[in-house]
Amino acid sequence: MAWGDDWHFEESEKAMAFPCDSVLSDKAEAWYRAVSVDAPPDLVFRWLCQLRVAPYSYDWIDNWGRPSPRTLTEGIDRLAVGQSVMTLFELVSFEWGRHLTVRLKDTSVFPPIAMTYMALPDGWGGTRLLVKVLVEYSGWSDVLLRPWFARADLFMMKKQLLTLKGLSERQPALLGEPQSITS
């Protein structure tokens, strides 16, 4: 593995099946990112749902300077396939309380990308927040992006995961299950 492909993932976690594995071909390159969070998986998952609103990374780079919300947004955890996530991605599958799987909407600039954010119980009341990223290089993207793309992603995603960790750990209590939408 090259530098930038792996951050805090355990070997046993890499062997797990992730929903994003079925989104791109088996030729896709995999990157792994993980962080331990001292908060229950349901709460961490609620913060993952916030990715529909903002990227929670370096806002001045990837959120046009707008600050990512520091409180949970009412109703944002009412998920549906096809919803926009971090502006550039669409939700392709989810299991409430466990995972969000997204893929890049437009592949005219970047190669096809799919990723799964997974919130798993760690056995001590906390969460292992795992992200598997798949990138399917070809042609120009292989030559131009492959040498630095994983490193750039790690720079952004490390900030994102540490921000979500911090927000989850400061949350006083889980605010309850999401409510159904009524009209």
Foldseek 3Di string as FASTA:
>chain_A
DDPLQEAPDDPVNVPDDDPCPVVDDPQWDKGKYKDWAQAALLLLLLLQLLQLVAQQFPCVPQVVNDDRDLDRDAPSLPDDFQRHGSNQWTFHDDDRSFKTKIWGDDPPPFATKIKMWTWDDPVPNITMTMMMMTGDDDDPCVVPPVVCVSVVVSNGVVSNVVSSRVSRRVDPDPPDDHDDDDD
